[in-house]
Amino acid sequence: MLQEDFEKILKEHGLKKTKQRILVLETLASCGDRHLTAEEIYEIVKAEFPEIGLATVYRTIQLLLELNLVESIQLGDGYVRYEIGRIGGKDAHHHHHLICLECGKVISFRDDLLDELEKRIKESVSFQVINHEVKLYGYCESCLKQEQEAGKENREPAKHLEVQLEERT
């Protein structure tokens, strides 16, 4: 998201543009597919703006969540993580996560095969799905390769699959 877009959104909501808000958003935008905790965001921003406090980062993240500019995600590691929710006005609806059970790597997957299911849900039970979150658990390419090189084959398939339908307001 461009800084100008963010400034426009702040202005539309009667909020001030502050260096702290800009830096938190830029940090999230620049980290791509990394899913950062508030503490990680704080450490990155603090390197450029030492005066910032952790409480300011938390308040800024909360504001960004309320503006639907970032989304929170829990990946089963005990931390709440954050990522850009919309880029250039596009909804993040078609964005899922592949989570490696071996190394913990998280891969963003930007395809959506659930559109047909959502249509069927609407037709059969008159329920409009607004958003959903899919987390698929398995093994990344690197871990599979290491396993093959170590001579371990035929690992049991991952038994943990979580599909969660969640309404976003």
Protein backbone atom coordinates (compact mmCIF):
# COMPACT_ATOMS: atom_id res chain seq x y z
CA MET A 1 0.00 0.00 0.00
CA LEU A 2 1.32 3.39 -0.87
CA GLN A 3 1.91 5.93 1.86
CA GLU A 4 -0.42 8.35 0.06
CA ASP A 5 -3.25 5.79 0.20
CA PHE A 6 -2.72 5.33 3.92
CA GLU A 7 -2.65 9.07 4.52
CA LYS A 8 -5.92 9.42 2.59
CA ILE A 9 -7.57 6.67 4.70
CA LEU A 10 -6.40 8.33 7.92
CA LYS A 11 -7.77 11.67 6.76
CA GLU A 12 -11.12 10.09 5.79
CA HIS A 13 -11.41 8.77 9.35
CA GLY A 14 -10.38 12.06 10.95
CA LEU A 15 -7.05 10.65 12.14
CA LYS A 16 -3.64 12.29 12.12
CA LYS A 17 -0.75 11.07 10.07
CA THR A 18 2.10 10.28 12.44
CA LYS A 19 5.58 9.00 11.79
CA GLN A 20 4.89 6.02 14.06
CA ARG A 21 1.77 4.98 12.12
CA ILE A 22 3.56 5.32 8.79
CA LEU A 23 6.57 3.31 10.01
CA VAL A 24 4.44 0.45 11.38
CA LEU A 25 2.49 0.18 8.13
CA GLU A 26 5.65 0.43 6.01
CA THR A 27 7.27 -2.30 8.12
CA LEU A 28 4.37 -4.66 7.51
CA ALA A 29 4.25 -3.80 3.81
CA SER A 30 7.99 -4.29 3.34
CA CYS A 31 8.07 -7.69 5.05
CA GLY A 32 6.00 -9.37 2.36
CA ASP A 33 5.05 -12.88 3.38
CA ARG A 34 6.68 -12.68 6.81
CA HIS A 35 4.03 -12.77 9.49
CA LEU A 36 5.33 -10.48 12.22
CA THR A 37 4.44 -10.32 15.90
CA ALA A 38 3.91 -6.92 17.52
CA GLU A 39 7.29 -7.31 19.22
CA GLU A 40 9.03 -8.00 15.89
CA ILE A 41 7.35 -4.94 14.37
CA TYR A 42 8.47 -2.93 17.37
CA GLU A 43 12.11 -4.03 17.01
CA ILE A 44 12.17 -3.14 13.29
CA VAL A 45 10.51 0.26 13.79
CA LYS A 46 12.66 1.03 16.84
CA ALA A 47 15.82 0.68 14.74
CA GLU A 48 14.65 3.65 12.66
CA PHE A 49 12.68 5.52 15.32
CA PRO A 50 14.23 4.78 18.76
CA GLU A 51 11.69 6.93 20.61
CA ILE A 52 8.78 4.63 19.80
CA GLY A 53 7.32 2.51 22.58
CA LEU A 54 5.86 -0.97 22.41
CA ALA A 55 2.48 0.38 23.59
CA THR A 56 2.43 2.77 20.60
CA VAL A 57 3.06 -0.15 18.25
CA TYR A 58 0.19 -2.10 19.82
CA ARG A 59 -2.16 0.91 19.55
CA THR A 60 -1.12 1.46 15.93
CA ILE A 61 -1.70 -2.19 15.06
CA GLN A 62 -5.15 -2.00 16.66
CA LEU A 63 -5.96 1.07 14.59
CA LEU A 64 -4.75 -0.65 11.40
CA LEU A 65 -6.92 -3.67 12.24
CA GLU A 66 -9.96 -1.43 12.72
CA LEU A 67 -9.27 0.21 9.34
CA ASN A 68 -8.96 -3.27 7.76
CA LEU A 69 -5.47 -2.45 6.55
CA VAL A 70 -3.86 -5.34 8.40
CA GLU A 71 -5.10 -8.72 9.49
CA SER A 72 -4.17 -10.79 12.49
CA ILE A 73 -3.46 -14.47 12.20
CA GLN A 74 -2.67 -17.20 14.68
CA LEU A 75 -0.45 -19.92 13.29
CA GLY A 76 -0.52 -22.24 16.27
CA ASP A 77 2.77 -21.05 17.76
CA GLY A 78 1.23 -19.06 20.62
CA TYR A 79 1.73 -15.65 18.98
CA VAL A 80 -0.65 -13.30 17.23
CA ARG A 81 0.94 -12.27 13.96
CA TYR A 82 0.09 -9.53 11.52
CA GLU A 83 0.16 -9.03 7.79
CA ILE A 84 -1.11 -6.51 5.27
CA GLY A 85 -4.82 -7.10 4.78
CA ARG A 86 -5.48 -5.12 1.65
CA ILE A 87 -3.12 -3.88 -0.99
CA GLY A 88 -4.32 -1.26 -3.44
CA GLY A 89 -7.92 -1.79 -2.31
CA LYS A 90 -7.94 -5.52 -3.06
CA ASP A 91 -9.50 -7.70 -0.41
CA ALA A 92 -7.31 -10.41 1.08
CA HIS A 93 -10.11 -12.98 0.71
CA HIS A 94 -8.02 -15.17 -1.60
CA HIS A 95 -5.10 -15.61 0.77
CA HIS A 96 -4.33 -18.77 2.68
CA HIS A 97 -1.41 -20.21 4.62
CA LEU A 98 0.61 -23.40 4.25
CA ILE A 99 2.37 -24.23 7.51
CA CYS A 100 5.29 -26.67 7.68
CA LEU A 101 5.02 -29.01 10.66
CA GLU A 102 8.77 -29.64 10.62
CA CYS A 103 10.38 -26.18 10.46
CA GLY A 104 7.40 -23.88 11.05
CA LYS A 105 7.79 -22.05 7.74
CA VAL A 106 4.63 -20.25 6.63
CA ILE A 107 3.94 -19.93 2.92
CA SER A 108 1.20 -17.65 1.64
CA PHE A 109 -0.95 -19.26 -1.01
CA ARG A 110 -2.85 -16.84 -3.22
CA ASP A 111 -5.42 -19.01 -4.92
CA ASP A 112 -8.93 -19.78 -3.86
CA LEU A 113 -10.65 -23.02 -4.66
CA LEU A 114 -13.49 -22.33 -2.24
CA ASP A 115 -15.45 -19.95 -4.47
CA GLU A 116 -17.67 -22.79 -5.68
CA LEU A 117 -18.27 -23.98 -2.11
CA GLU A 118 -19.25 -20.45 -1.07
CA LYS A 119 -21.77 -20.29 -3.95
CA ARG A 120 -23.24 -23.63 -2.93
CA ILE A 121 -23.52 -22.51 0.70
CA LYS A 122 -25.37 -19.38 -0.38
CA GLU A 123 -27.74 -21.34 -2.61
CA SER A 124 -28.42 -24.18 -0.20
CA VAL A 125 -28.67 -22.43 3.18
CA SER A 126 -28.93 -18.74 2.22
CA PHE A 127 -25.72 -17.88 4.06
CA GLN A 128 -23.40 -15.30 2.51
CA VAL A 129 -19.76 -16.08 3.25
CA ILE A 130 -17.89 -12.80 3.61
CA ASN A 131 -14.46 -14.21 4.25
CA HIS A 132 -12.70 -17.37 5.28
CA GLU A 133 -9.34 -18.44 6.58
CA VAL A 134 -7.62 -21.62 5.49
CA LYS A 135 -4.51 -23.06 7.10
CA LEU A 136 -3.04 -26.21 5.60
CA TYR A 137 -0.46 -28.15 7.58
CA GLY A 138 2.17 -30.34 5.97
CA TYR A 139 5.83 -30.31 4.96
CA CYS A 140 7.62 -27.69 2.88
CA GLU A 141 9.84 -28.50 -0.07
CA SER A 142 13.03 -27.99 1.90
CA CYS A 143 12.00 -30.32 4.73
CA LEU A 144 10.82 -32.97 2.29
CA LYS A 145 14.13 -32.74 0.45
CA GLN A 146 16.13 -33.05 3.70
CA GLU A 147 14.05 -36.05 4.65
CA GLN A 148 14.69 -37.76 1.31
CA GLU A 149 18.42 -37.09 1.59
CA ALA A 150 18.43 -38.58 5.08
CA GLY A 151 16.78 -41.70 3.70
CA LYS A 152 13.50 -41.23 5.50
CA GLU A 153 10.61 -41.83 3.20
CA ASN A 154 6.90 -42.48 3.41
CA ARG A 155 6.21 -40.03 6.24
CA GLU A 156 2.64 -40.20 7.44
CA PRO A 157 0.54 -37.42 5.98
CA ALA A 158 -0.06 -34.48 8.27
CA LYS A 159 -3.09 -35.16 10.39
CA HIS A 160 -3.84 -31.54 11.21
CA LEU A 161 -6.01 -29.65 8.75
CA GLU A 162 -7.92 -26.61 9.87
CA VAL A 163 -10.53 -24.94 7.72
CA GLN A 164 -12.31 -22.10 9.39
CA LEU A 165 -15.16 -20.07 7.99
CA GLU A 166 -15.14 -16.69 9.64
CA GLU A 167 -17.35 -13.67 9.09
CA ARG A 168 -15.47 -10.39 8.88
CA THR A 169 -17.24 -7.18 9.74
